[in-house]
């Protein structure tokens, strides 16, 4: 290996940081044994925008390892409606995995991240500013194992739906 290689070049590619649940559980356990503070963030991330980046960077600030759970295609469709997602789950996961703040990514197929929370037991469950600590749906699960909920990111001034609507409006004006 050349001594000219930078740390970024030594980092594995984004796709290799997308893990199935059992491999994720094992990697988190290894990190925790080494003293790492684990943070879990989750979302659809259909069309990546600055609000997503700010949310994930703020979440990363709460720990040593940021795990991001990406909703499956079926769950995005259930949450956002017919025709969504625009970007397939594996591609959304790879884009998220490529962000500097993100360590590991997994795709979850359940309606909520409760099962994943119980499986990896992150120290912090980070949610966006469209929640308060008392409105996070999984707050009781997180508290049940001694974890903490943190509301992070900037105000909810950005959304994939808004980006999509803006593009559609521009197209009709052309």
N, C-alpha and C. Protein backbone atom coordinates (compact mmCIF):
# COMPACT_ATOMS: atom_id res chain seq x y z
N UNK A 1 0.85 -1.19 0.00
CA UNK A 1 0.00 0.00 0.00
C UNK A 1 0.88 1.24 0.00
N UNK A 2 0.55 2.18 -0.81
CA UNK A 2 1.32 3.41 -0.95
C UNK A 2 1.16 4.29 0.28
N UNK A 3 2.25 4.91 0.72
CA UNK A 3 2.17 5.83 1.85
C UNK A 3 1.48 7.13 1.47
N UNK A 4 1.24 7.31 0.17
CA UNK A 4 0.55 8.51 -0.30
C UNK A 4 -0.96 8.44 -0.10
N UNK A 5 -1.48 7.29 0.27
CA UNK A 5 -2.93 7.14 0.43
C UNK A 5 -3.39 7.88 1.68
N UNK A 6 -4.49 8.58 1.53
CA UNK A 6 -5.06 9.31 2.65
C UNK A 6 -6.02 8.42 3.42
N UNK A 7 -6.44 8.85 4.61
CA UNK A 7 -7.41 8.11 5.39
C UNK A 7 -8.71 7.91 4.62
N UNK A 8 -9.13 8.92 3.85
CA UNK A 8 -10.35 8.81 3.07
C UNK A 8 -10.23 7.70 2.04
N UNK A 9 -9.06 7.56 1.42
CA UNK A 9 -8.87 6.51 0.43
C UNK A 9 -8.86 5.13 1.07
N UNK A 10 -8.49 5.04 2.33
CA UNK A 10 -8.46 3.77 3.03
C UNK A 10 -9.84 3.35 3.53
N UNK A 11 -10.75 4.30 3.60
CA UNK A 11 -12.11 4.01 4.05
C UNK A 11 -12.79 3.08 3.05
N UNK A 12 -13.52 2.08 3.53
CA UNK A 12 -14.22 1.22 2.58
C UNK A 12 -15.30 2.01 1.83
N UNK A 13 -15.71 1.50 0.69
CA UNK A 13 -16.73 2.20 -0.08
C UNK A 13 -18.06 2.20 0.67
N UNK A 14 -18.93 3.13 0.27
CA UNK A 14 -20.19 3.34 0.98
C UNK A 14 -21.03 2.06 1.04
N UNK A 15 -21.09 1.33 -0.05
CA UNK A 15 -21.94 0.12 -0.08
C UNK A 15 -21.51 -0.90 0.97
N UNK A 16 -20.24 -0.94 1.30
CA UNK A 16 -19.76 -1.92 2.28
C UNK A 16 -20.18 -1.55 3.71
N UNK A 17 -20.67 -0.34 3.91
CA UNK A 17 -21.12 0.08 5.25
C UNK A 17 -22.62 -0.12 5.44
N UNK A 18 -23.27 -0.74 4.45
CA UNK A 18 -24.69 -1.09 4.56
C UNK A 18 -24.74 -2.53 5.03
N UNK A 19 -25.29 -2.74 6.22
CA UNK A 19 -25.26 -4.07 6.83
C UNK A 19 -26.65 -4.61 7.10
N UNK A 20 -26.78 -5.91 6.94
CA UNK A 20 -27.99 -6.61 7.39
C UNK A 20 -27.99 -6.58 8.92
N UNK A 21 -29.15 -6.79 9.50
CA UNK A 21 -29.30 -6.61 10.95
C UNK A 21 -28.31 -7.42 11.79
N UNK A 22 -28.12 -8.70 11.49
CA UNK A 22 -27.22 -9.50 12.33
C UNK A 22 -25.78 -9.00 12.28
N UNK A 23 -25.32 -8.61 11.11
CA UNK A 23 -23.96 -8.07 11.00
C UNK A 23 -23.88 -6.72 11.72
N UNK A 24 -24.94 -5.92 11.62
CA UNK A 24 -24.98 -4.63 12.32
C UNK A 24 -24.90 -4.84 13.83
N UNK A 25 -25.67 -5.76 14.35
CA UNK A 25 -25.66 -6.05 15.79
C UNK A 25 -24.25 -6.41 16.24
N UNK A 26 -23.57 -7.24 15.46
CA UNK A 26 -22.21 -7.65 15.81
C UNK A 26 -21.24 -6.47 15.78
N UNK A 27 -21.32 -5.64 14.74
CA UNK A 27 -20.42 -4.48 14.63
C UNK A 27 -20.64 -3.48 15.76
N UNK A 28 -21.91 -3.25 16.11
CA UNK A 28 -22.23 -2.33 17.21
C UNK A 28 -21.69 -2.90 18.52
N UNK A 29 -21.83 -4.19 18.73
CA UNK A 29 -21.34 -4.82 19.97
C UNK A 29 -19.83 -4.66 20.08
N UNK A 30 -19.12 -4.84 18.99
CA UNK A 30 -17.66 -4.67 19.00
C UNK A 30 -17.30 -3.22 19.35
N UNK A 31 -17.97 -2.28 18.72
CA UNK A 31 -17.71 -0.85 18.99
C UNK A 31 -18.01 -0.52 20.45
N UNK A 32 -19.12 -1.03 20.96
CA UNK A 32 -19.49 -0.75 22.35
C UNK A 32 -18.45 -1.32 23.32
N UNK A 33 -17.94 -2.53 23.06
CA UNK A 33 -16.90 -3.12 23.92
C UNK A 33 -15.64 -2.26 23.93
N UNK A 34 -15.44 -1.53 22.84
CA UNK A 34 -14.28 -0.62 22.76
C UNK A 34 -14.57 0.73 23.39
N UNK A 35 -15.76 0.89 23.96
CA UNK A 35 -16.10 2.12 24.65
C UNK A 35 -16.86 3.14 23.81
N UNK A 36 -17.26 2.77 22.61
CA UNK A 36 -17.96 3.72 21.73
C UNK A 36 -19.37 4.00 22.24
N UNK A 37 -19.77 5.23 22.10
CA UNK A 37 -21.13 5.66 22.40
C UNK A 37 -21.90 5.58 21.08
N UNK A 38 -22.98 4.82 21.05
CA UNK A 38 -23.71 4.52 19.83
C UNK A 38 -24.93 5.43 19.69
N UNK A 39 -25.12 5.97 18.49
CA UNK A 39 -26.27 6.82 18.17
C UNK A 39 -27.01 6.17 17.00
N UNK A 40 -28.33 6.13 17.09
CA UNK A 40 -29.16 5.65 15.99
C UNK A 40 -30.05 6.78 15.51
N UNK A 41 -30.03 7.01 14.21
CA UNK A 41 -30.95 7.95 13.55
C UNK A 41 -31.69 7.14 12.49
N UNK A 42 -32.86 7.60 12.12
CA UNK A 42 -33.60 6.87 11.08
C UNK A 42 -34.44 7.82 10.23
N UNK A 43 -34.83 7.31 9.06
CA UNK A 43 -35.68 8.09 8.17
C UNK A 43 -35.83 7.46 6.82
N UNK A 44 -36.64 8.10 5.99
CA UNK A 44 -36.89 7.62 4.62
C UNK A 44 -35.76 8.04 3.68
N UNK A 45 -35.32 9.30 3.78
CA UNK A 45 -34.22 9.84 2.97
C UNK A 45 -34.46 9.62 1.48
N UNK A 46 -35.70 9.88 1.02
CA UNK A 46 -36.04 9.61 -0.38
C UNK A 46 -35.28 10.52 -1.34
N UNK A 47 -35.37 11.80 -1.14
CA UNK A 47 -34.58 12.76 -1.93
C UNK A 47 -33.73 13.51 -0.91
N UNK A 48 -32.44 13.25 -0.92
CA UNK A 48 -31.55 13.84 0.08
C UNK A 48 -31.51 15.36 -0.05
N UNK A 49 -31.62 16.05 1.08
CA UNK A 49 -31.56 17.51 1.09
C UNK A 49 -30.79 17.97 2.32
N UNK A 50 -30.55 19.26 2.43
CA UNK A 50 -29.71 19.81 3.48
C UNK A 50 -30.27 19.53 4.88
N UNK A 51 -31.58 19.43 5.02
CA UNK A 51 -32.15 19.09 6.33
C UNK A 51 -31.70 17.71 6.79
N UNK A 52 -31.60 16.76 5.86
CA UNK A 52 -31.11 15.43 6.20
C UNK A 52 -29.65 15.50 6.66
N UNK A 53 -28.85 16.23 5.91
CA UNK A 53 -27.42 16.35 6.24
C UNK A 53 -27.25 16.97 7.64
N UNK A 54 -27.97 18.02 7.91
CA UNK A 54 -27.87 18.68 9.22
C UNK A 54 -28.35 17.78 10.34
N UNK A 55 -29.40 17.03 10.10
CA UNK A 55 -29.91 16.07 11.09
C UNK A 55 -28.86 15.01 11.40
N UNK A 56 -28.26 14.43 10.37
CA UNK A 56 -27.29 13.36 10.59
C UNK A 56 -25.98 13.89 11.20
N UNK A 57 -25.55 15.06 10.79
CA UNK A 57 -24.34 15.64 11.39
C UNK A 57 -24.57 15.96 12.87
N UNK A 58 -25.74 16.48 13.19
CA UNK A 58 -26.05 16.77 14.60
C UNK A 58 -26.16 15.49 15.40
N UNK A 59 -26.75 14.46 14.83
CA UNK A 59 -26.86 13.17 15.52
C UNK A 59 -25.47 12.61 15.81
N UNK A 60 -24.59 12.70 14.85
CA UNK A 60 -23.21 12.18 15.01
C UNK A 60 -22.50 12.85 16.17
N UNK A 61 -22.83 14.10 16.42
CA UNK A 61 -22.21 14.85 17.51
C UNK A 61 -22.53 14.29 18.90
N UNK A 62 -23.51 13.41 19.00
CA UNK A 62 -23.89 12.83 20.29
C UNK A 62 -23.14 11.55 20.61
N UNK A 63 -22.32 11.06 19.70
CA UNK A 63 -21.65 9.79 19.97
C UNK A 63 -20.43 9.56 19.13
N UNK A 64 -19.95 8.32 19.23
CA UNK A 64 -18.74 7.91 18.52
C UNK A 64 -19.06 7.14 17.24
N UNK A 65 -20.25 6.53 17.20
CA UNK A 65 -20.65 5.76 16.03
C UNK A 65 -22.09 6.12 15.69
N UNK A 66 -22.31 6.57 14.47
CA UNK A 66 -23.66 6.87 14.01
C UNK A 66 -24.14 5.76 13.09
N UNK A 67 -25.22 5.12 13.52
CA UNK A 67 -25.91 4.10 12.72
C UNK A 67 -27.17 4.76 12.19
N UNK A 68 -27.41 4.61 10.89
CA UNK A 68 -28.62 5.18 10.30
C UNK A 68 -29.48 4.04 9.76
N UNK A 69 -30.73 4.02 10.18
CA UNK A 69 -31.70 3.04 9.71
C UNK A 69 -32.57 3.70 8.64
N UNK A 70 -32.59 3.12 7.46
CA UNK A 70 -33.34 3.65 6.32
C UNK A 70 -34.60 2.80 6.15
N UNK A 71 -35.75 3.49 6.05
CA UNK A 71 -37.01 2.78 5.83
C UNK A 71 -36.97 2.01 4.51
N UNK A 72 -37.52 0.79 4.51
CA UNK A 72 -37.62 0.00 3.29
C UNK A 72 -38.57 0.68 2.30
N UNK A 73 -38.52 0.24 1.06
CA UNK A 73 -39.40 0.79 0.04
C UNK A 73 -40.87 0.63 0.43
N UNK A 74 -41.24 -0.54 0.94
CA UNK A 74 -42.64 -0.79 1.32
C UNK A 74 -43.08 0.17 2.43
N UNK A 75 -42.20 0.43 3.39
CA UNK A 75 -42.55 1.33 4.49
C UNK A 75 -42.63 2.78 4.01
N UNK A 76 -41.76 3.19 3.10
CA UNK A 76 -41.84 4.55 2.55
C UNK A 76 -43.17 4.72 1.82
N UNK A 77 -43.55 3.73 1.04
CA UNK A 77 -44.83 3.79 0.32
C UNK A 77 -45.98 3.92 1.31
N UNK A 78 -45.94 3.14 2.40
CA UNK A 78 -47.00 3.21 3.40
C UNK A 78 -47.04 4.58 4.09
N UNK A 79 -45.87 5.17 4.31
CA UNK A 79 -45.80 6.46 5.00
C UNK A 79 -46.09 7.65 4.08
N UNK A 80 -45.57 7.60 2.85
CA UNK A 80 -45.61 8.76 1.95
C UNK A 80 -46.65 8.66 0.85
N UNK A 81 -47.13 7.44 0.58
CA UNK A 81 -48.16 7.27 -0.44
C UNK A 81 -47.65 6.61 -1.71
N UNK A 82 -48.62 6.27 -2.54
CA UNK A 82 -48.34 5.60 -3.82
C UNK A 82 -47.35 6.43 -4.64
N UNK A 83 -46.44 5.74 -5.32
CA UNK A 83 -45.45 6.42 -6.14
C UNK A 83 -44.16 6.75 -5.40
N UNK A 84 -44.14 6.56 -4.12
CA UNK A 84 -42.94 6.80 -3.33
C UNK A 84 -42.42 5.45 -2.86
N UNK A 85 -41.16 5.28 -2.66
CA UNK A 85 -40.11 6.27 -2.84
C UNK A 85 -39.75 6.44 -4.32
N UNK A 86 -39.07 7.54 -4.60
CA UNK A 86 -38.56 7.77 -5.94
C UNK A 86 -37.24 7.03 -6.13
N UNK A 87 -36.51 6.89 -5.05
CA UNK A 87 -35.19 6.24 -5.09
C UNK A 87 -35.30 4.91 -4.33
N UNK A 88 -34.86 3.79 -4.94
CA UNK A 88 -34.94 2.49 -4.28
C UNK A 88 -34.13 2.44 -2.98
N UNK A 89 -34.57 1.58 -2.05
CA UNK A 89 -33.98 1.51 -0.71
C UNK A 89 -32.47 1.32 -0.71
N UNK A 90 -31.96 0.46 -1.55
CA UNK A 90 -30.52 0.18 -1.55
C UNK A 90 -29.74 1.43 -1.99
N UNK A 91 -30.26 2.17 -2.95
CA UNK A 91 -29.60 3.39 -3.40
C UNK A 91 -29.69 4.49 -2.34
N UNK A 92 -30.85 4.60 -1.68
CA UNK A 92 -30.98 5.59 -0.60
C UNK A 92 -29.98 5.26 0.50
N UNK A 93 -29.85 3.98 0.83
CA UNK A 93 -28.91 3.56 1.88
C UNK A 93 -27.47 3.88 1.48
N UNK A 94 -27.13 3.68 0.23
CA UNK A 94 -25.76 3.94 -0.22
C UNK A 94 -25.43 5.44 -0.18
N UNK A 95 -26.38 6.27 -0.56
CA UNK A 95 -26.16 7.72 -0.49
C UNK A 95 -25.94 8.13 0.97
N UNK A 96 -26.74 7.63 1.87
CA UNK A 96 -26.59 7.95 3.30
C UNK A 96 -25.24 7.44 3.81
N UNK A 97 -24.86 6.22 3.42
CA UNK A 97 -23.59 5.64 3.86
C UNK A 97 -22.39 6.45 3.37
N UNK A 98 -22.54 7.18 2.29
CA UNK A 98 -21.44 7.97 1.74
C UNK A 98 -21.19 9.26 2.52
N UNK A 99 -22.12 9.65 3.37
CA UNK A 99 -21.94 10.88 4.15
C UNK A 99 -20.87 10.69 5.22
N UNK A 100 -20.04 11.68 5.40
CA UNK A 100 -18.93 11.62 6.36
C UNK A 100 -19.39 11.33 7.78
N UNK A 101 -20.53 11.85 8.17
CA UNK A 101 -21.01 11.69 9.55
C UNK A 101 -21.49 10.27 9.85
N UNK A 102 -21.76 9.48 8.83
CA UNK A 102 -22.40 8.18 8.99
C UNK A 102 -21.37 7.05 9.02
N UNK A 103 -21.50 6.18 10.01
CA UNK A 103 -20.60 5.03 10.12
C UNK A 103 -21.18 3.77 9.50
N UNK A 104 -22.43 3.46 9.84
CA UNK A 104 -23.07 2.24 9.35
C UNK A 104 -24.52 2.54 9.00
N UNK A 105 -25.05 1.78 8.04
CA UNK A 105 -26.43 1.94 7.59
C UNK A 105 -27.08 0.57 7.54
N UNK A 106 -28.35 0.54 7.85
CA UNK A 106 -29.15 -0.67 7.68
C UNK A 106 -30.51 -0.27 7.13
N UNK A 107 -31.15 -1.19 6.47
CA UNK A 107 -32.51 -0.97 5.96
C UNK A 107 -33.44 -1.73 6.89
N UNK A 108 -34.50 -1.07 7.36
CA UNK A 108 -35.44 -1.77 8.22
C UNK A 108 -36.80 -1.87 7.55
N UNK A 109 -37.47 -2.99 7.80
CA UNK A 109 -38.70 -3.32 7.10
C UNK A 109 -39.95 -3.19 7.97
N UNK A 110 -39.77 -2.97 9.24
CA UNK A 110 -40.90 -2.83 10.16
C UNK A 110 -41.44 -1.40 10.08
N UNK A 111 -42.68 -1.18 10.54
CA UNK A 111 -43.26 0.17 10.52
C UNK A 111 -42.53 1.17 11.43
N UNK A 112 -41.89 0.68 12.49
CA UNK A 112 -41.11 1.56 13.38
C UNK A 112 -39.74 0.93 13.60
N UNK A 113 -38.84 1.69 14.23
CA UNK A 113 -37.49 1.18 14.51
C UNK A 113 -37.41 0.50 15.88
N UNK A 114 -38.54 0.21 16.51
CA UNK A 114 -38.51 -0.39 17.85
C UNK A 114 -37.69 -1.66 17.92
N UNK A 115 -37.89 -2.59 16.99
CA UNK A 115 -37.15 -3.86 17.02
C UNK A 115 -35.65 -3.62 16.87
N UNK A 116 -35.28 -2.69 16.01
CA UNK A 116 -33.86 -2.36 15.82
C UNK A 116 -33.29 -1.72 17.08
N UNK A 117 -34.05 -0.83 17.68
CA UNK A 117 -33.60 -0.21 18.94
C UNK A 117 -33.31 -1.27 19.99
N UNK A 118 -34.20 -2.23 20.12
CA UNK A 118 -34.02 -3.29 21.12
C UNK A 118 -32.85 -4.20 20.76
N UNK A 119 -32.59 -4.35 19.46
CA UNK A 119 -31.49 -5.22 19.02
C UNK A 119 -30.12 -4.60 19.26
N UNK A 120 -29.98 -3.29 19.01
CA UNK A 120 -28.65 -2.68 19.16
C UNK A 120 -28.53 -1.79 20.38
N UNK A 121 -29.65 -1.41 20.98
CA UNK A 121 -29.67 -0.62 22.21
C UNK A 121 -28.73 0.59 22.17
N UNK A 122 -28.96 1.50 21.23
CA UNK A 122 -28.08 2.67 21.14
C UNK A 122 -28.18 3.53 22.40
N UNK A 123 -27.10 4.19 22.71
CA UNK A 123 -27.10 5.11 23.86
C UNK A 123 -28.05 6.26 23.59
N UNK A 124 -28.07 6.71 22.35
CA UNK A 124 -28.90 7.86 21.95
C UNK A 124 -29.73 7.46 20.72
N UNK A 125 -31.01 7.78 20.78
CA UNK A 125 -31.88 7.64 19.60
C UNK A 125 -32.17 9.08 19.14
N UNK A 126 -31.60 9.46 18.01
CA UNK A 126 -31.72 10.83 17.51
C UNK A 126 -32.91 10.95 16.56
N UNK A 127 -33.74 11.94 16.80
CA UNK A 127 -34.89 12.22 15.95
C UNK A 127 -34.81 13.67 15.51
N UNK A 128 -35.48 13.99 14.41
CA UNK A 128 -35.48 15.33 13.86
C UNK A 128 -36.38 16.27 14.64
N UNK A 129 -36.28 17.53 14.29
CA UNK A 129 -36.98 18.58 15.04
C UNK A 129 -38.47 18.63 14.80
N UNK A 130 -38.99 17.71 13.99
CA UNK A 130 -40.44 17.62 13.89
C UNK A 130 -41.01 16.85 15.08
N UNK A 131 -40.13 16.42 15.98
CA UNK A 131 -40.51 15.75 17.22
C UNK A 131 -40.04 16.58 18.42
N UNK A 132 -40.59 16.24 19.58
CA UNK A 132 -40.05 16.68 20.87
C UNK A 132 -39.69 15.39 21.60
N UNK A 133 -38.89 15.46 22.66
CA UNK A 133 -38.57 14.23 23.38
C UNK A 133 -39.82 13.45 23.84
N UNK A 134 -40.90 14.15 24.08
CA UNK A 134 -42.12 13.48 24.53
C UNK A 134 -43.03 13.00 23.41
N UNK A 135 -42.73 13.34 22.15
CA UNK A 135 -43.57 12.87 21.05
C UNK A 135 -42.87 11.83 20.18
N UNK A 136 -41.64 11.49 20.49
CA UNK A 136 -40.93 10.45 19.74
C UNK A 136 -41.66 9.12 19.98
N UNK A 137 -42.16 8.49 18.93
CA UNK A 137 -42.97 7.27 19.12
C UNK A 137 -42.24 6.15 19.89
N UNK A 138 -40.95 6.05 19.72
CA UNK A 138 -40.18 4.96 20.34
C UNK A 138 -39.58 5.34 21.69
N UNK A 139 -39.96 6.47 22.25
CA UNK A 139 -39.31 6.97 23.47
C UNK A 139 -39.37 5.98 24.62
N UNK A 140 -40.48 5.29 24.80
CA UNK A 140 -40.59 4.35 25.91
C UNK A 140 -39.70 3.13 25.73
N UNK A 141 -39.54 2.69 24.49
CA UNK A 141 -38.63 1.58 24.20
C UNK A 141 -37.20 2.00 24.54
N UNK A 142 -36.81 3.19 24.11
CA UNK A 142 -35.45 3.69 24.37
C UNK A 142 -35.21 3.81 25.88
N UNK A 143 -36.16 4.37 26.57
CA UNK A 143 -36.02 4.54 28.02
C UNK A 143 -36.00 3.20 28.75
N UNK A 144 -36.68 2.18 28.19
CA UNK A 144 -36.77 0.86 28.85
C UNK A 144 -35.40 0.20 29.04
N UNK A 145 -34.45 0.49 28.17
CA UNK A 145 -33.13 -0.11 28.32
C UNK A 145 -32.08 0.91 28.79
N UNK A 146 -32.54 2.09 29.20
CA UNK A 146 -31.62 3.10 29.73
C UNK A 146 -31.05 4.05 28.71
N UNK A 147 -31.57 4.03 27.49
CA UNK A 147 -31.11 4.96 26.46
C UNK A 147 -31.77 6.32 26.61
N UNK A 148 -31.36 7.23 25.73
CA UNK A 148 -31.88 8.59 25.78
C UNK A 148 -32.30 9.02 24.38
N UNK A 149 -33.37 9.80 24.32
CA UNK A 149 -33.84 10.38 23.07
C UNK A 149 -33.28 11.79 22.95
N UNK A 150 -32.77 12.13 21.77
CA UNK A 150 -32.28 13.49 21.51
C UNK A 150 -32.94 14.01 20.24
N UNK A 151 -33.46 15.21 20.31
CA UNK A 151 -34.03 15.87 19.14
C UNK A 151 -32.92 16.74 18.56
N UNK A 152 -32.59 16.50 17.30
CA UNK A 152 -31.42 17.14 16.69
C UNK A 152 -31.72 17.68 15.31
N UNK A 153 -30.85 18.53 14.82
CA UNK A 153 -30.95 19.09 13.48
C UNK A 153 -31.52 20.48 13.51
N UNK A 154 -31.71 21.03 12.33
CA UNK A 154 -32.28 22.37 12.24
C UNK A 154 -33.79 22.28 12.20
N UNK A 155 -34.44 23.42 12.20
CA UNK A 155 -35.90 23.42 12.16
C UNK A 155 -36.38 22.73 10.89
N UNK A 156 -37.55 22.18 10.95
CA UNK A 156 -38.09 21.38 9.84
C UNK A 156 -38.53 22.28 8.69
N UNK A 157 -37.55 22.94 8.07
CA UNK A 157 -37.82 23.83 6.94
C UNK A 157 -37.58 23.16 5.60
N UNK A 158 -37.19 21.88 5.62
CA UNK A 158 -36.86 21.18 4.39
C UNK A 158 -37.58 19.84 4.38
N UNK A 159 -38.00 19.41 3.21
CA UNK A 159 -38.56 18.07 3.09
C UNK A 159 -38.41 17.59 1.66
N UNK A 160 -38.31 16.28 1.50
CA UNK A 160 -38.24 15.71 0.16
C UNK A 160 -39.50 16.07 -0.62
N UNK A 161 -40.64 16.03 0.04
CA UNK A 161 -41.91 16.36 -0.62
C UNK A 161 -41.87 17.78 -1.17
N UNK A 162 -41.33 18.73 -0.39
CA UNK A 162 -41.22 20.12 -0.87
C UNK A 162 -40.30 20.21 -2.08
N UNK A 163 -39.20 19.49 -2.07
CA UNK A 163 -38.28 19.49 -3.21
C UNK A 163 -38.99 18.95 -4.44
N UNK A 164 -39.69 17.85 -4.27
CA UNK A 164 -40.40 17.22 -5.39
C UNK A 164 -41.46 18.18 -5.93
N UNK A 165 -42.24 18.80 -5.06
CA UNK A 165 -43.28 19.73 -5.51
C UNK A 165 -42.68 20.93 -6.24
N UNK A 166 -41.55 21.41 -5.77
CA UNK A 166 -40.89 22.54 -6.42
C UNK A 166 -40.45 22.16 -7.84
N UNK A 167 -39.90 20.97 -7.98
CA UNK A 167 -39.48 20.50 -9.30
C UNK A 167 -40.69 20.36 -10.21
N UNK A 168 -41.77 19.79 -9.70
CA UNK A 168 -42.98 19.62 -10.51
C UNK A 168 -43.58 20.96 -10.92
N UNK A 169 -43.58 21.93 -10.01
CA UNK A 169 -44.10 23.25 -10.34
C UNK A 169 -43.26 23.91 -11.41
N UNK A 170 -41.94 23.79 -11.29
CA UNK A 170 -41.02 24.38 -12.28
C UNK A 170 -41.26 23.76 -13.65
N UNK A 171 -41.47 22.44 -13.67
CA UNK A 171 -41.69 21.74 -14.91
C UNK A 171 -42.97 22.21 -15.59
N UNK A 172 -44.02 22.46 -14.83
CA UNK A 172 -45.28 22.93 -15.42
C UNK A 172 -45.18 24.36 -15.91
N UNK A 173 -44.25 25.15 -15.33
CA UNK A 173 -44.07 26.53 -15.77
C UNK A 173 -43.25 26.63 -17.04
N UNK A 174 -42.46 25.58 -17.32
CA UNK A 174 -41.58 25.59 -18.51
C UNK A 174 -42.33 25.36 -19.75
